């Protein structure tokens, strides 16, 4: 019975390791003073100029992920 538990524990550890490696590879946006969607100037430490740009950016990125880009 411990064999099954050992294999399950090993599988869980591997799944967590793979998920963490994937999360580390995912690029993160950095605030650079410009909206990441429309390139307008934004306040310091902001990524987007408004909610619409943020939502449009997220939709565009999700479409790219689905398309495999």
C-alpha atoms as a PDB file:
ATOM      1  CA  UNK A   1       0.000   0.000   0.000  1.00  0.00           C
ATOM      2  CA  UNK A   2       2.874   2.379   0.706  1.00  0.00           C
ATOM      3  CA  UNK A   3       4.063   1.823  -2.870  1.00  0.00           C
ATOM      4  CA  UNK A   4       0.896   3.447  -4.211  1.00  0.00           C
ATOM      5  CA  UNK A   5       1.203   6.338  -1.771  1.00  0.00           C
ATOM      6  CA  UNK A   6       4.870   6.824  -2.658  1.00  0.00           C
ATOM      7  CA  UNK A   7       4.086   6.962  -6.376  1.00  0.00           C
ATOM      8  CA  UNK A   8       1.228   9.386  -5.788  1.00  0.00           C
ATOM      9  CA  UNK A   9       3.454  11.629  -3.678  1.00  0.00           C
ATOM     10  CA  UNK A  10       6.150  11.553  -6.383  1.00  0.00           C
ATOM     11  CA  UNK A  11       3.592  12.418  -9.092  1.00  0.00           C
ATOM     12  CA  UNK A  12       2.237  15.359  -7.074  1.00  0.00           C
ATOM     13  CA  UNK A  13       5.755  16.684  -6.479  1.00  0.00           C
ATOM     14  CA  UNK A  14       6.520  16.436 -10.216  1.00  0.00           C
ATOM     15  CA  UNK A  15       3.287  18.234 -11.140  1.00  0.00           C
ATOM     16  CA  UNK A  16       4.077  21.055  -8.710  1.00  0.00           C
ATOM     17  CA  UNK A  17       7.642  21.297 -10.022  1.00  0.00           C
ATOM     18  CA  UNK A  18       6.434  21.544 -13.632  1.00  0.00           C
ATOM     19  CA  UNK A  19       3.793  24.148 -12.766  1.00  0.00           C
ATOM     20  CA  UNK A  20       6.340  26.283 -10.927  1.00  0.00           C
ATOM     21  CA  UNK A  21       8.810  26.054 -13.818  1.00  0.00           C
ATOM     22  CA  UNK A  22       6.096  27.170 -16.229  1.00  0.00           C
ATOM     23  CA  UNK A  23       5.113  30.078 -13.972  1.00  0.00           C
ATOM     24  CA  UNK A  24       8.735  31.245 -13.818  1.00  0.00           C
ATOM     25  CA  UNK A  25       9.007  31.241 -17.623  1.00  0.00           C
ATOM     26  CA  UNK A  26       5.843  33.318 -18.105  1.00  0.00           C
ATOM     27  CA  UNK A  27       6.900  36.889 -18.880  1.00  0.00           C
ATOM     28  CA  UNK A  28       5.584  39.575 -16.544  1.00  0.00           C
ATOM     29  CA  UNK A  29       4.691  43.095 -17.622  1.00  0.00           C
ATOM     30  CA  UNK A  30       6.741  45.911 -16.156  1.00  0.00           C
ATOM     31  CA  UNK A  31       5.508  49.470 -15.632  1.00  0.00           C
ATOM     32  CA  UNK A  32       7.462  51.722 -17.992  1.00  0.00           C
ATOM     33  CA  UNK A  33       5.302  54.864 -18.041  1.00  0.00           C
ATOM     34  CA  UNK A  34       3.347  53.778 -21.128  1.00  0.00           C
ATOM     35  CA  UNK A  35       0.139  51.789 -21.575  1.00  0.00           C
ATOM     36  CA  UNK A  36       1.014  48.266 -22.730  1.00  0.00           C
ATOM     37  CA  UNK A  37      -1.966  48.259 -25.099  1.00  0.00           C
ATOM     38  CA  UNK A  38      -2.233  51.715 -26.711  1.00  0.00           C
ATOM     39  CA  UNK A  39       1.186  53.168 -25.756  1.00  0.00           C
ATOM     40  CA  UNK A  40      -0.281  56.343 -24.180  1.00  0.00           C
ATOM     41  CA  UNK A  41       1.525  57.881 -21.218  1.00  0.00           C
ATOM     42  CA  UNK A  42       0.329  56.571 -17.841  1.00  0.00           C
ATOM     43  CA  UNK A  43       0.986  57.388 -14.201  1.00  0.00           C
ATOM     44  CA  UNK A  44       4.042  55.879 -12.546  1.00  0.00           C
ATOM     45  CA  UNK A  45       3.722  52.150 -11.679  1.00  0.00           C
ATOM     46  CA  UNK A  46       0.635  51.589 -13.856  1.00  0.00           C
ATOM     47  CA  UNK A  47       0.503  49.096 -16.708  1.00  0.00           C
ATOM     48  CA  UNK A  48      -2.539  50.399 -18.599  1.00  0.00           C
ATOM     49  CA  UNK A  49      -4.167  53.803 -19.045  1.00  0.00           C
ATOM     50  CA  UNK A  50      -7.669  52.497 -18.265  1.00  0.00           C
ATOM     51  CA  UNK A  51      -9.733  49.378 -17.692  1.00  0.00           C
ATOM     52  CA  UNK A  52     -10.709  49.096 -21.357  1.00  0.00           C
ATOM     53  CA  UNK A  53      -7.072  48.881 -22.467  1.00  0.00           C
ATOM     54  CA  UNK A  54      -6.368  46.300 -19.769  1.00  0.00           C
ATOM     55  CA  UNK A  55      -9.343  44.175 -20.830  1.00  0.00           C
ATOM     56  CA  UNK A  56      -8.476  44.474 -24.528  1.00  0.00           C
ATOM     57  CA  UNK A  57      -4.865  43.486 -23.808  1.00  0.00           C
ATOM     58  CA  UNK A  58      -5.987  40.443 -21.811  1.00  0.00           C
ATOM     59  CA  UNK A  59      -8.394  39.371 -24.577  1.00  0.00           C
ATOM     60  CA  UNK A  60      -5.661  39.758 -27.184  1.00  0.00           C
ATOM     61  CA  UNK A  61      -3.160  37.748 -25.137  1.00  0.00           C
ATOM     62  CA  UNK A  62      -5.710  34.989 -24.511  1.00  0.00           C
ATOM     63  CA  UNK A  63      -6.467  34.797 -28.247  1.00  0.00           C
ATOM     64  CA  UNK A  64      -2.724  34.498 -28.944  1.00  0.00           C
ATOM     65  CA  UNK A  65      -2.412  31.690 -26.379  1.00  0.00           C
ATOM     66  CA  UNK A  66      -5.336  29.814 -27.935  1.00  0.00           C
ATOM     67  CA  UNK A  67      -3.808  30.244 -31.402  1.00  0.00           C
ATOM     68  CA  UNK A  68      -0.466  28.954 -30.151  1.00  0.00           C
ATOM     69  CA  UNK A  69       1.459  32.181 -30.728  1.00  0.00           C
END
